[in-house]
């Protein structure tokens, strides 16, 4: 029995039986192919079973077998008939086109064995109404199961994934990414430290000259620098701190001057004579240590830092006293009488 399932350009409205056709034409063998090709057909594998026709005139209709009541013992239909156009050959001078078509059903089997599939009969109705039956020789379906180990007769478990050795080209992108991340972190640390170093230097540059000098001199307290081989750096550090203070306090280019030039420039400044001579003796002793390989005594070493600190603090105090005196002399508009009036009033109160 042939029934209408799928047609070409025009669908037929009623079924056509094989005996109604004018002739049965052998059309070759049917094809049988797996949806997932492999060496053999295993249980539950799905296959396409159908036919191929070439050079079919445009407008031809087809009728296909109806397998709704069964196909083959042990074989089942998964998907019904489907018709695909493989290629179109256009005719010349408005002649009708010719088509290469392919029709198939999807089948499967859940039992091991060989199955003789039924032949494929289709009815072809040409555009001029002539109908004939095309017969395609059947195929044999050989379904197998997984082979059992004949030595132990035990079904083995599924094998795990094969572990291939790791190659350098697989690891290289991760190594490059990690290296780039490390470089970025190091760059961020470097830029952060540089920023805070500049910030601290800028803040230190805004400090008063006497504070900077006293902080540097504080590093040389104690006797850790009194050894003969360390005295050169000891006296160089002390005199450099005083030179920077003199530059800021008195505007003298002490960093480029010799000891004589420095103290010649300081003559006539508001510096007490005893401070002047004590600082000069310290600078001359430092010159002996640095340039004449003189080894200072323990007493001289012990007095070096206190002399430098005394020079800084006393000269800074004199500056403060001078500024205070200038402020007191200009803040009152009543002259000396107003300045003397206060203590007199206090005596009277007592």
C-alpha atoms as a PDB file:
ATOM      1  CA  UNK A   1       0.000   0.000   0.000  1.00  0.00           C
ATOM      2  CA  UNK A   2       1.328   3.401  -1.009  1.00  0.00           C
ATOM      3  CA  UNK A   3      -0.084   6.520   0.575  1.00  0.00           C
ATOM      4  CA  UNK A   4       0.480  10.246   0.129  1.00  0.00           C
ATOM      5  CA  UNK A   5       3.231  11.466   2.503  1.00  0.00           C
ATOM      6  CA  UNK A   6       5.258  14.136   0.731  1.00  0.00           C
ATOM      7  CA  UNK A   7       5.198  15.462  -2.839  1.00  0.00           C
ATOM      8  CA  UNK A   8       7.131  17.827  -5.080  1.00  0.00           C
ATOM      9  CA  UNK A   9       5.699  21.076  -6.349  1.00  0.00           C
ATOM     10  CA  UNK A  10       2.081  19.779  -6.112  1.00  0.00           C
ATOM     11  CA  UNK A  11       0.633  17.529  -3.353  1.00  0.00           C
ATOM     12  CA  UNK A  12      -1.746  14.768  -4.460  1.00  0.00           C
ATOM     13  CA  UNK A  13      -5.150  14.724  -2.820  1.00  0.00           C
ATOM     14  CA  UNK A  14      -5.642  10.926  -2.657  1.00  0.00           C
ATOM     15  CA  UNK A  15      -3.458   7.803  -2.181  1.00  0.00           C
ATOM     16  CA  UNK A  16      -2.166   5.824  -5.136  1.00  0.00           C
ATOM     17  CA  UNK A  17      -1.618   2.053  -4.991  1.00  0.00           C
ATOM     18  CA  UNK A  18       1.226   0.192  -6.669  1.00  0.00           C
ATOM     19  CA  UNK A  19      -1.134  -1.677  -8.946  1.00  0.00           C
ATOM     20  CA  UNK A  20      -2.647   1.634 -10.183  1.00  0.00           C
ATOM     21  CA  UNK A  21       0.673   2.653 -11.724  1.00  0.00           C
ATOM     22  CA  UNK A  22       1.329   1.822 -15.325  1.00  0.00           C
ATOM     23  CA  UNK A  23       4.733   0.191 -14.745  1.00  0.00           C
ATOM     24  CA  UNK A  24       7.283  -0.805 -12.129  1.00  0.00           C
ATOM     25  CA  UNK A  25      10.730   0.554 -12.984  1.00  0.00           C
ATOM     26  CA  UNK A  26      13.862  -0.735 -11.199  1.00  0.00           C
ATOM     27  CA  UNK A  27      15.732   2.360 -10.027  1.00  0.00           C
ATOM     28  CA  UNK A  28      18.846   0.872  -8.427  1.00  0.00           C
ATOM     29  CA  UNK A  29      19.601   0.278  -4.787  1.00  0.00           C
ATOM     30  CA  UNK A  30      18.380   2.174  -1.788  1.00  0.00           C
ATOM     31  CA  UNK A  31      21.015   3.800   0.423  1.00  0.00           C
ATOM     32  CA  UNK A  32      21.656   3.123   4.099  1.00  0.00           C
ATOM     33  CA  UNK A  33      23.926   5.490   6.022  1.00  0.00           C
ATOM     34  CA  UNK A  34      24.524   6.379   9.639  1.00  0.00           C
ATOM     35  CA  UNK A  35      23.764   9.791  11.070  1.00  0.00           C
ATOM     36  CA  UNK A  36      27.061   9.516  12.958  1.00  0.00           C
ATOM     37  CA  UNK A  37      29.405   7.512  10.710  1.00  0.00           C
ATOM     38  CA  UNK A  38      31.604   4.880  12.402  1.00  0.00           C
ATOM     39  CA  UNK A  39      33.105   1.424  11.659  1.00  0.00           C
ATOM     40  CA  UNK A  40      29.995  -0.577  12.568  1.00  0.00           C
ATOM     41  CA  UNK A  41      26.353  -0.123  13.509  1.00  0.00           C
ATOM     42  CA  UNK A  42      25.767  -0.447  17.244  1.00  0.00           C
ATOM     43  CA  UNK A  43      22.538  -0.884  19.140  1.00  0.00           C
ATOM     44  CA  UNK A  44      20.393   2.306  19.107  1.00  0.00           C
ATOM     45  CA  UNK A  45      22.427   3.947  16.333  1.00  0.00           C
ATOM     46  CA  UNK A  46      20.254   5.985  13.951  1.00  0.00           C
ATOM     47  CA  UNK A  47      20.488   5.579  10.168  1.00  0.00           C
ATOM     48  CA  UNK A  48      18.924   7.094   7.051  1.00  0.00           C
ATOM     49  CA  UNK A  49      17.251   4.637   4.679  1.00  0.00           C
ATOM     50  CA  UNK A  50      15.951   5.884   1.351  1.00  0.00           C
ATOM     51  CA  UNK A  51      16.641   6.682  -2.286  1.00  0.00           C
ATOM     52  CA  UNK A  52      18.314   9.155  -4.619  1.00  0.00           C
ATOM     53  CA  UNK A  53      17.065  10.401  -7.986  1.00  0.00           C
ATOM     54  CA  UNK A  54      18.814  12.631 -10.473  1.00  0.00           C
ATOM     55  CA  UNK A  55      17.505  14.813 -13.273  1.00  0.00           C
ATOM     56  CA  UNK A  56      13.906  14.871 -12.035  1.00  0.00           C
ATOM     57  CA  UNK A  57      11.788  17.249 -14.098  1.00  0.00           C
ATOM     58  CA  UNK A  58      10.392  20.262 -12.331  1.00  0.00           C
ATOM     59  CA  UNK A  59       6.711  19.729 -11.463  1.00  0.00           C
ATOM     60  CA  UNK A  60       7.036  15.989 -10.803  1.00  0.00           C
ATOM     61  CA  UNK A  61       5.024  14.644  -7.856  1.00  0.00           C
ATOM     62  CA  UNK A  62       5.897  11.706  -5.595  1.00  0.00           C
ATOM     63  CA  UNK A  63       4.089   9.342  -3.286  1.00  0.00           C
ATOM     64  CA  UNK A  64       5.893   7.369  -0.576  1.00  0.00           C
ATOM     65  CA  UNK A  65       5.201   4.171   1.393  1.00  0.00           C
ATOM     66  CA  UNK A  66       3.225   4.463   4.617  1.00  0.00           C
ATOM     67  CA  UNK A  67       5.112   2.800   7.488  1.00  0.00           C
ATOM     68  CA  UNK A  68       2.710   3.764  10.248  1.00  0.00           C
ATOM     69  CA  UNK A  69       1.630   0.122  10.737  1.00  0.00           C
ATOM     70  CA  UNK A  70       5.165  -1.237  10.898  1.00  0.00           C
ATOM     71  CA  UNK A  71       8.363  -1.156   8.948  1.00  0.00           C
ATOM     72  CA  UNK A  72      10.428  -4.263   9.653  1.00  0.00           C
ATOM     73  CA  UNK A  73      10.539  -6.664  12.636  1.00  0.00           C
ATOM     74  CA  UNK A  74      13.255  -5.479  15.016  1.00  0.00           C
ATOM     75  CA  UNK A  75      13.652  -2.106  13.238  1.00  0.00           C
ATOM     76  CA  UNK A  76      11.704   1.023  14.109  1.00  0.00           C
ATOM     77  CA  UNK A  77      11.035   4.324  12.390  1.00  0.00           C
ATOM     78  CA  UNK A  78      12.422   7.341  14.252  1.00  0.00           C
ATOM     79  CA  UNK A  79      11.531  10.091  11.741  1.00  0.00           C
ATOM     80  CA  UNK A  80       9.092   9.912   8.778  1.00  0.00           C
ATOM     81  CA  UNK A  81       9.857  10.582   5.137  1.00  0.00           C
ATOM     82  CA  UNK A  82      11.772  13.743   4.271  1.00  0.00           C
ATOM     83  CA  UNK A  83      12.575  14.937   0.757  1.00  0.00           C
ATOM     84  CA  UNK A  84      15.580  17.175   0.094  1.00  0.00           C
ATOM     85  CA  UNK A  85      16.726  18.884  -3.086  1.00  0.00           C
ATOM     86  CA  UNK A  86      20.443  18.214  -3.470  1.00  0.00           C
ATOM     87  CA  UNK A  87      21.089  20.236  -6.635  1.00  0.00           C
ATOM     88  CA  UNK A  88      19.144  22.235  -9.224  1.00  0.00           C
ATOM     89  CA  UNK A  89      20.047  22.120 -12.945  1.00  0.00           C
ATOM     90  CA  UNK A  90      18.459  25.082 -14.721  1.00  0.00           C
ATOM     91  CA  UNK A  91      17.160  24.404 -18.215  1.00  0.00           C
ATOM     92  CA  UNK A  92      18.199  26.370 -21.269  1.00  0.00           C
ATOM     93  CA  UNK A  93      15.859  28.677 -23.189  1.00  0.00           C
ATOM     94  CA  UNK A  94      13.104  28.580 -20.585  1.00  0.00           C
ATOM     95  CA  UNK A  95      13.133  24.780 -20.433  1.00  0.00           C
ATOM     96  CA  UNK A  96      11.998  23.313 -17.111  1.00  0.00           C
ATOM     97  CA  UNK A  97      14.701  22.800 -14.503  1.00  0.00           C
ATOM     98  CA  UNK A  98      15.874  19.373 -13.424  1.00  0.00           C
ATOM     99  CA  UNK A  99      16.482  18.413  -9.810  1.00  0.00           C
ATOM    100  CA  UNK A 100      18.652  15.944  -7.927  1.00  0.00           C
ATOM    101  CA  UNK A 101      16.559  14.797  -4.965  1.00  0.00           C
ATOM    102  CA  UNK A 102      17.083  12.591  -1.952  1.00  0.00           C
ATOM    103  CA  UNK A 103      14.350  11.063   0.217  1.00  0.00           C
ATOM    104  CA  UNK A 104      14.768   9.033   3.392  1.00  0.00           C
ATOM    105  CA  UNK A 105      13.354   7.885   6.707  1.00  0.00           C
ATOM    106  CA  UNK A 106      15.358   7.627   9.948  1.00  0.00           C
ATOM    107  CA  UNK A 107      15.469   4.127  11.471  1.00  0.00           C
ATOM    108  CA  UNK A 108      17.056   2.413  14.461  1.00  0.00           C
ATOM    109  CA  UNK A 109      17.219  -0.988  16.182  1.00  0.00           C
ATOM    110  CA  UNK A 110      17.590  -1.956  19.826  1.00  0.00           C
ATOM    111  CA  UNK A 111      18.437  -5.615  19.266  1.00  0.00           C
ATOM    112  CA  UNK A 112      21.565  -7.217  17.877  1.00  0.00           C
ATOM    113  CA  UNK A 113      21.249  -9.064  14.568  1.00  0.00           C
ATOM    114  CA  UNK A 114      20.975  -8.799  10.790  1.00  0.00           C
ATOM    115  CA  UNK A 115      17.768  -7.378   9.345  1.00  0.00           C
ATOM    116  CA  UNK A 116      16.589  -7.575   5.713  1.00  0.00           C
ATOM    117  CA  UNK A 117      15.051  -4.162   5.154  1.00  0.00           C
ATOM    118  CA  UNK A 118      12.011  -3.895   2.848  1.00  0.00           C
ATOM    119  CA  UNK A 119      12.520  -2.537  -0.675  1.00  0.00           C
ATOM    120  CA  UNK A 120      11.599   1.057  -1.282  1.00  0.00           C
ATOM    121  CA  UNK A 121       8.718   1.700  -3.704  1.00  0.00           C
ATOM    122  CA  UNK A 122       7.754   5.242  -4.653  1.00  0.00           C
ATOM    123  CA  UNK A 123       5.226   6.492  -7.180  1.00  0.00           C
ATOM    124  CA  UNK A 124       6.449   9.151  -9.584  1.00  0.00           C
ATOM    125  CA  UNK A 125       3.878  11.252 -11.447  1.00  0.00           C
ATOM    126  CA  UNK A 126       5.367  13.259 -14.280  1.00  0.00           C
ATOM    127  CA  UNK A 127       4.113  16.769 -15.151  1.00  0.00           C
ATOM    128  CA  UNK A 128       2.055  15.324 -18.039  1.00  0.00           C
ATOM    129  CA  UNK A 129       0.213  12.930 -15.657  1.00  0.00           C
ATOM    130  CA  UNK A 130       2.042   9.672 -16.410  1.00  0.00           C
ATOM    131  CA  UNK A 131       2.573   7.627 -13.224  1.00  0.00           C
ATOM    132  CA  UNK A 132       5.048   4.836 -12.668  1.00  0.00           C
ATOM    133  CA  UNK A 133       6.460   3.009  -9.687  1.00  0.00           C
ATOM    134  CA  UNK A 134      10.175   3.184  -8.933  1.00  0.00           C
ATOM    135  CA  UNK A 135      11.630   0.202  -7.056  1.00  0.00           C
ATOM    136  CA  UNK A 136      14.840   0.416  -5.077  1.00  0.00           C
ATOM    137  CA  UNK A 137      16.570  -2.782  -3.983  1.00  0.00           C
ATOM    138  CA  UNK A 138      16.684  -3.283  -0.202  1.00  0.00           C
ATOM    139  CA  UNK A 139      19.676  -3.242   2.117  1.00  0.00           C
ATOM    140  CA  UNK A 140      20.738  -5.464   4.995  1.00  0.00           C
ATOM    141  CA  UNK A 141      21.124  -3.840   8.411  1.00  0.00           C
ATOM    142  CA  UNK A 142      23.761  -5.506  10.624  1.00  0.00           C
ATOM    143  CA  UNK A 143      23.394  -4.345  14.249  1.00  0.00           C
ATOM    144  CA  UNK A 144      26.075  -5.279  16.786  1.00  0.00           C
ATOM    145  CA  UNK A 145      26.682  -4.812  20.486  1.00  0.00           C
ATOM    146  CA  UNK A 146      29.906  -4.033  22.325  1.00  0.00           C
ATOM    147  CA  UNK A 147      32.216  -7.108  22.233  1.00  0.00           C
ATOM    148  CA  UNK A 148      32.752  -8.886  25.534  1.00  0.00           C
ATOM    149  CA  UNK A 149      36.261  -9.827  26.714  1.00  0.00           C
ATOM    150  CA  UNK A 150      36.344 -13.565  25.886  1.00  0.00           C
ATOM    151  CA  UNK A 151      39.128 -14.209  28.400  1.00  0.00           C
ATOM    152  CA  UNK A 152      37.335 -13.047  31.521  1.00  0.00           C
ATOM    153  CA  UNK A 153      33.762 -12.679  30.264  1.00  0.00           C
ATOM    154  CA  UNK A 154      33.481  -9.448  32.224  1.00  0.00           C
ATOM    155  CA  UNK A 155      32.199  -6.152  30.967  1.00  0.00           C
ATOM    156  CA  UNK A 156      34.816  -3.515  31.589  1.00  0.00           C
ATOM    157  CA  UNK A 157      34.004  -0.084  32.926  1.00  0.00           C
ATOM    158  CA  UNK A 158      34.206   2.991  30.745  1.00  0.00           C
ATOM    159  CA  UNK A 159      37.780   4.114  30.279  1.00  0.00           C
ATOM    160  CA  UNK A 160      38.773   7.507  31.604  1.00  0.00           C
ATOM    161  CA  UNK A 161      40.027  10.368  29.480  1.00  0.00           C
ATOM    162  CA  UNK A 162      43.511  10.056  28.066  1.00  0.00           C
ATOM    163  CA  UNK A 163      45.933  12.377  29.848  1.00  0.00           C
ATOM    164  CA  UNK A 164      48.285  13.959  27.348  1.00  0.00           C
ATOM    165  CA  UNK A 165      51.526  15.615  28.521  1.00  0.00           C
ATOM    166  CA  UNK A 166      51.361  19.389  28.895  1.00  0.00           C
ATOM    167  CA  UNK A 167      53.363  21.241  26.256  1.00  0.00           C
ATOM    168  CA  UNK A 168      55.184  24.526  26.707  1.00  0.00           C
ATOM    169  CA  UNK A 169      53.071  26.302  24.085  1.00  0.00           C
ATOM    170  CA  UNK A 170      49.981  25.511  26.166  1.00  0.00           C
ATOM    171  CA  UNK A 171      51.508  26.938  29.354  1.00  0.00           C
ATOM    172  CA  UNK A 172      53.204  29.943  27.711  1.00  0.00           C
ATOM    173  CA  UNK A 173      50.104  32.224  27.610  1.00  0.00           C
ATOM    174  CA  UNK A 174      49.569  31.705  31.361  1.00  0.00           C
ATOM    175  CA  UNK A 175      53.250  32.335  32.128  1.00  0.00           C
ATOM    176  CA  UNK A 176      53.230  35.478  29.991  1.00  0.00           C
ATOM    177  CA  UNK A 177      50.075  36.716  31.733  1.00  0.00           C
ATOM    178  CA  UNK A 178      51.548  36.049  35.187  1.00  0.00           C
ATOM    179  CA  UNK A 179      54.800  37.818  34.231  1.00  0.00           C
ATOM    180  CA  UNK A 180      52.878  40.807  32.906  1.00  0.00           C
ATOM    181  CA  UNK A 181      50.856  40.958  36.133  1.00  0.00           C
ATOM    182  CA  UNK A 182      54.036  40.866  38.246  1.00  0.00           C
ATOM    183  CA  UNK A 183      55.573  43.654  36.155  1.00  0.00           C
ATOM    184  CA  UNK A 184      52.445  45.780  36.562  1.00  0.00           C
ATOM    185  CA  UNK A 185      52.474  45.261  40.338  1.00  0.00           C
ATOM    186  CA  UNK A 186      56.194  46.130  40.556  1.00  0.00           C
ATOM    187  CA  UNK A 187      55.638  49.233  38.432  1.00  0.00           C
ATOM    188  CA  UNK A 188      52.752  50.308  40.662  1.00  0.00           C
ATOM    189  CA  UNK A 189      54.912  49.812  43.784  1.00  0.00           C
ATOM    190  CA  UNK A 190      57.776  51.787  42.218  1.00  0.00           C
ATOM    191  CA  UNK A 191      55.532  54.683  41.189  1.00  0.00           C
ATOM    192  CA  UNK A 192      53.862  54.745  44.623  1.00  0.00           C
ATOM    193  CA  UNK A 193      57.199  54.859  46.451  1.00  0.00           C
ATOM    194  CA  UNK A 194      58.495  57.522  44.084  1.00  0.00           C
ATOM    195  CA  UNK A 195      55.384  59.620  44.682  1.00  0.00           C
ATOM    196  CA  UNK A 196      55.621  59.416  48.474  1.00  0.00           C
ATOM    197  CA  UNK A 197      59.398  60.013  48.375  1.00  0.00           C
ATOM    198  CA  UNK A 198      58.888  63.202  46.375  1.00  0.00           C
ATOM    199  CA  UNK A 199      56.091  64.200  48.715  1.00  0.00           C
ATOM    200  CA  UNK A 200      58.273  63.678  51.794  1.00  0.00           C
ATOM    201  CA  UNK A 201      61.142  65.560  50.180  1.00  0.00           C
ATOM    202  CA  UNK A 202      58.828  68.437  49.324  1.00  0.00           C
ATOM    203  CA  UNK A 203      57.528  68.493  52.890  1.00  0.00           C
ATOM    204  CA  UNK A 204      61.094  68.341  54.197  1.00  0.00           C
ATOM    205  CA  UNK A 205      62.017  71.230  51.912  1.00  0.00           C
ATOM    206  CA  UNK A 206      59.349  73.364  53.584  1.00  0.00           C
ATOM    207  CA  UNK A 207      60.758  72.719  57.069  1.00  0.00           C
ATOM    208  CA  UNK A 208      62.657  75.528  58.837  1.00  0.00           C
ATOM    209  CA  UNK A 209      66.420  75.477  58.335  1.00  0.00           C
ATOM    210  CA  UNK A 210      67.232  74.901  62.020  1.00  0.00           C
ATOM    211  CA  UNK A 211      64.872  71.876  62.208  1.00  0.00           C
ATOM    212  CA  UNK A 212      66.513  70.248  59.183  1.00  0.00           C
ATOM    213  CA  UNK A 213      69.983  70.905  60.587  1.00  0.00           C
ATOM    214  CA  UNK A 214      69.150  69.519  64.030  1.00  0.00           C
ATOM    215  CA  UNK A 215      67.591  66.380  62.499  1.00  0.00           C
ATOM    216  CA  UNK A 216      70.739  65.694  60.468  1.00  0.00           C
ATOM    217  CA  UNK A 217      73.022  66.367  63.417  1.00  0.00           C
ATOM    218  CA  UNK A 218      71.014  63.976  65.559  1.00  0.00           C
ATOM    219  CA  UNK A 219      72.172  61.081  63.348  1.00  0.00           C
ATOM    220  CA  UNK A 220      75.773  61.592  64.519  1.00  0.00           C
ATOM    221  CA  UNK A 221      75.154  61.425  68.268  1.00  0.00           C
ATOM    222  CA  UNK A 222      76.990  58.702  70.172  1.00  0.00           C
ATOM    223  CA  UNK A 223      80.438  57.243  69.639  1.00  0.00           C
ATOM    224  CA  UNK A 224      79.677  54.941  66.682  1.00  0.00           C
ATOM    225  CA  UNK A 225      81.558  57.321  64.332  1.00  0.00           C
ATOM    226  CA  UNK A 226      84.552  58.030  66.578  1.00  0.00           C
ATOM    227  CA  UNK A 227      86.757  55.240  65.223  1.00  0.00           C
ATOM    228  CA  UNK A 228      89.704  56.621  63.194  1.00  0.00           C
ATOM    229  CA  UNK A 229      88.470  55.078  59.925  1.00  0.00           C
ATOM    230  CA  UNK A 230      85.006  56.669  60.418  1.00  0.00           C
ATOM    231  CA  UNK A 231      85.995  60.152  61.554  1.00  0.00           C
ATOM    232  CA  UNK A 232      86.122  61.498  58.000  1.00  0.00           C
ATOM    233  CA  UNK A 233      82.416  60.712  57.365  1.00  0.00           C
ATOM    234  CA  UNK A 234      81.628  61.881  60.931  1.00  0.00           C
ATOM    235  CA  UNK A 235      83.050  65.387  60.492  1.00  0.00           C
ATOM    236  CA  UNK A 236      81.859  65.634  56.866  1.00  0.00           C
ATOM    237  CA  UNK A 237      78.271  64.965  57.956  1.00  0.00           C
ATOM    238  CA  UNK A 238      78.410  67.532  60.776  1.00  0.00           C
ATOM    239  CA  UNK A 239      79.953  70.310  58.680  1.00  0.00           C
ATOM    240  CA  UNK A 240      77.611  69.611  55.718  1.00  0.00           C
ATOM    241  CA  UNK A 241      74.614  70.048  58.014  1.00  0.00           C
ATOM    242  CA  UNK A 242      76.051  73.367  59.256  1.00  0.00           C
ATOM    243  CA  UNK A 243      76.857  74.504  55.694  1.00  0.00           C
ATOM    244  CA  UNK A 244      73.224  73.930  54.624  1.00  0.00           C
ATOM    245  CA  UNK A 245      72.015  75.817  57.699  1.00  0.00           C
ATOM    246  CA  UNK A 246      74.350  78.745  56.964  1.00  0.00           C
ATOM    247  CA  UNK A 247      73.098  78.870  53.361  1.00  0.00           C
ATOM    248  CA  UNK A 248      69.460  79.091  54.508  1.00  0.00           C
ATOM    249  CA  UNK A 249      70.080  81.313  57.562  1.00  0.00           C
ATOM    250  CA  UNK A 250      72.591  83.848  56.221  1.00  0.00           C
ATOM    251  CA  UNK A 251      72.364  83.473  52.416  1.00  0.00           C
ATOM    252  CA  UNK A 252      76.059  82.547  52.138  1.00  0.00           C
ATOM    253  CA  UNK A 253      77.044  80.016  49.437  1.00  0.00           C
ATOM    254  CA  UNK A 254      78.707  77.837  52.025  1.00  0.00           C
ATOM    255  CA  UNK A 255      78.432  74.585  50.043  1.00  0.00           C
ATOM    256  CA  UNK A 256      81.020  75.804  47.495  1.00  0.00           C
ATOM    257  CA  UNK A 257      83.266  77.761  49.886  1.00  0.00           C
ATOM    258  CA  UNK A 258      86.297  76.848  51.950  1.00  0.00           C
ATOM    259  CA  UNK A 259      86.306  77.243  55.714  1.00  0.00           C
ATOM    260  CA  UNK A 260      88.141  80.582  55.525  1.00  0.00           C
ATOM    261  CA  UNK A 261      85.718  81.936  52.894  1.00  0.00           C
ATOM    262  CA  UNK A 262      82.706  80.890  54.955  1.00  0.00           C
ATOM    263  CA  UNK A 263      83.807  82.599  58.157  1.00  0.00           C
ATOM    264  CA  UNK A 264      85.070  85.669  56.311  1.00  0.00           C
ATOM    265  CA  UNK A 265      81.532  85.989  54.937  1.00  0.00           C
ATOM    266  CA  UNK A 266      80.042  85.556  58.418  1.00  0.00           C
ATOM    267  CA  UNK A 267      82.067  88.422  59.922  1.00  0.00           C
ATOM    268  CA  UNK A 268      79.884  91.349  60.785  1.00  0.00           C
ATOM    269  CA  UNK A 269      76.798  89.160  61.167  1.00  0.00           C
ATOM    270  CA  UNK A 270      74.813  89.035  64.379  1.00  0.00           C
ATOM    271  CA  UNK A 271      76.763  86.064  65.751  1.00  0.00           C
ATOM    272  CA  UNK A 272      78.208  86.029  69.244  1.00  0.00           C
ATOM    273  CA  UNK A 273      82.020  85.925  69.187  1.00  0.00           C
ATOM    274  CA  UNK A 274      82.231  82.750  71.279  1.00  0.00           C
ATOM    275  CA  UNK A 275      79.819  80.927  68.894  1.00  0.00           C
ATOM    276  CA  UNK A 276      81.788  82.221  65.921  1.00  0.00           C
ATOM    277  CA  UNK A 277      85.126  80.947  67.265  1.00  0.00           C
ATOM    278  CA  UNK A 278      83.711  77.610  68.397  1.00  0.00           C
ATOM    279  CA  UNK A 279      82.142  76.911  64.981  1.00  0.00           C
ATOM    280  CA  UNK A 280      85.337  78.018  63.224  1.00  0.00           C
ATOM    281  CA  UNK A 281      87.424  75.635  65.378  1.00  0.00           C
ATOM    282  CA  UNK A 282      84.991  72.795  64.488  1.00  0.00           C
ATOM    283  CA  UNK A 283      85.318  73.460  60.733  1.00  0.00           C
ATOM    284  CA  UNK A 284      89.141  73.691  60.935  1.00  0.00           C
ATOM    285  CA  UNK A 285      89.311  70.413  62.873  1.00  0.00           C
ATOM    286  CA  UNK A 286      87.086  68.775  60.249  1.00  0.00           C
ATOM    287  CA  UNK A 287      89.457  70.014  57.500  1.00  0.00           C
ATOM    288  CA  UNK A 288      92.398  68.426  59.315  1.00  0.00           C
ATOM    289  CA  UNK A 289      90.549  65.119  59.628  1.00  0.00           C
ATOM    290  CA  UNK A 290      89.372  65.087  56.009  1.00  0.00           C
ATOM    291  CA  UNK A 291      92.469  66.389  54.244  1.00  0.00           C
ATOM    292  CA  UNK A 292      95.463  66.021  56.610  1.00  0.00           C
ATOM    293  CA  UNK A 293      94.628  62.568  58.014  1.00  0.00           C
ATOM    294  CA  UNK A 294      94.406  64.038  61.499  1.00  0.00           C
ATOM    295  CA  UNK A 295      92.944  61.697  64.148  1.00  0.00           C
ATOM    296  CA  UNK A 296      90.781  63.653  66.607  1.00  0.00           C
ATOM    297  CA  UNK A 297      90.808  62.801  70.293  1.00  0.00           C
ATOM    298  CA  UNK A 298      87.855  61.384  72.217  1.00  0.00           C
ATOM    299  CA  UNK A 299      87.265  64.776  73.837  1.00  0.00           C
ATOM    300  CA  UNK A 300      87.245  66.541  70.468  1.00  0.00           C
ATOM    301  CA  UNK A 301      84.840  63.977  69.041  1.00  0.00           C
ATOM    302  CA  UNK A 302      82.538  64.271  72.035  1.00  0.00           C
ATOM    303  CA  UNK A 303      82.338  68.068  71.666  1.00  0.00           C
ATOM    304  CA  UNK A 304      81.731  68.106  67.876  1.00  0.00           C
ATOM    305  CA  UNK A 305      77.984  67.497  67.790  1.00  0.00           C
ATOM    306  CA  UNK A 306      77.170  69.670  70.871  1.00  0.00           C
ATOM    307  CA  UNK A 307      79.153  72.553  69.324  1.00  0.00           C
ATOM    308  CA  UNK A 308      77.226  72.272  66.057  1.00  0.00           C
ATOM    309  CA  UNK A 309      73.866  72.017  67.875  1.00  0.00           C
ATOM    310  CA  UNK A 310      74.785  75.017  70.042  1.00  0.00           C
ATOM    311  CA  UNK A 311      75.626  77.111  66.978  1.00  0.00           C
ATOM    312  CA  UNK A 312      72.289  76.279  65.318  1.00  0.00           C
ATOM    313  CA  UNK A 313      70.079  76.792  68.358  1.00  0.00           C
ATOM    314  CA  UNK A 314      71.772  79.993  69.610  1.00  0.00           C
ATOM    315  CA  UNK A 315      71.798  81.700  66.201  1.00  0.00           C
ATOM    316  CA  UNK A 316      68.174  80.748  65.655  1.00  0.00           C
ATOM    317  CA  UNK A 317      67.283  82.079  69.135  1.00  0.00           C
ATOM    318  CA  UNK A 318      69.012  85.350  68.339  1.00  0.00           C
ATOM    319  CA  UNK A 319      66.901  85.596  65.196  1.00  0.00           C
ATOM    320  CA  UNK A 320      63.737  85.072  67.226  1.00  0.00           C
ATOM    321  CA  UNK A 321      64.805  87.666  69.788  1.00  0.00           C
ATOM    322  CA  UNK A 322      65.518  90.187  67.038  1.00  0.00           C
ATOM    323  CA  UNK A 323      62.101  89.581  65.451  1.00  0.00           C
ATOM    324  CA  UNK A 324      60.397  89.891  68.860  1.00  0.00           C
ATOM    325  CA  UNK A 325      62.200  93.117  69.650  1.00  0.00           C
ATOM    326  CA  UNK A 326      61.196  94.588  66.299  1.00  0.00           C
ATOM    327  CA  UNK A 327      57.569  93.689  66.864  1.00  0.00           C
ATOM    328  CA  UNK A 328      57.451  95.199  70.375  1.00  0.00           C
ATOM    329  CA  UNK A 329      59.064  98.426  69.191  1.00  0.00           C
ATOM    330  CA  UNK A 330      56.448  99.082  66.479  1.00  0.00           C
ATOM    331  CA  UNK A 331      53.234  97.709  68.012  1.00  0.00           C
ATOM    332  CA  UNK A 332      52.658 100.616  70.487  1.00  0.00           C
ATOM    333  CA  UNK A 333      51.941 104.178  69.332  1.00  0.00           C
ATOM    334  CA  UNK A 334      52.699 105.865  72.743  1.00  0.00           C
ATOM    335  CA  UNK A 335      56.507 105.654  72.800  1.00  0.00           C
ATOM    336  CA  UNK A 336      58.725 104.884  75.768  1.00  0.00           C
ATOM    337  CA  UNK A 337      56.362 106.407  78.312  1.00  0.00           C
ATOM    338  CA  UNK A 338      53.727 103.795  77.513  1.00  0.00           C
ATOM    339  CA  UNK A 339      56.345 101.014  77.793  1.00  0.00           C
ATOM    340  CA  UNK A 340      57.470 102.220  81.248  1.00  0.00           C
ATOM    341  CA  UNK A 341      53.930 102.777  82.467  1.00  0.00           C
ATOM    342  CA  UNK A 342      53.130  99.067  82.730  1.00  0.00           C
ATOM    343  CA  UNK A 343      55.818  98.036  85.232  1.00  0.00           C
ATOM    344  CA  UNK A 344      55.125 101.139  87.323  1.00  0.00           C
ATOM    345  CA  UNK A 345      51.429 100.277  87.442  1.00  0.00           C
ATOM    346  CA  UNK A 346      52.298  96.722  88.490  1.00  0.00           C
ATOM    347  CA  UNK A 347      54.496  98.014  91.367  1.00  0.00           C
ATOM    348  CA  UNK A 348      51.654 100.178  92.547  1.00  0.00           C
ATOM    349  CA  UNK A 349      49.304  97.228  92.512  1.00  0.00           C
ATOM    350  CA  UNK A 350      51.795  95.172  94.589  1.00  0.00           C
END
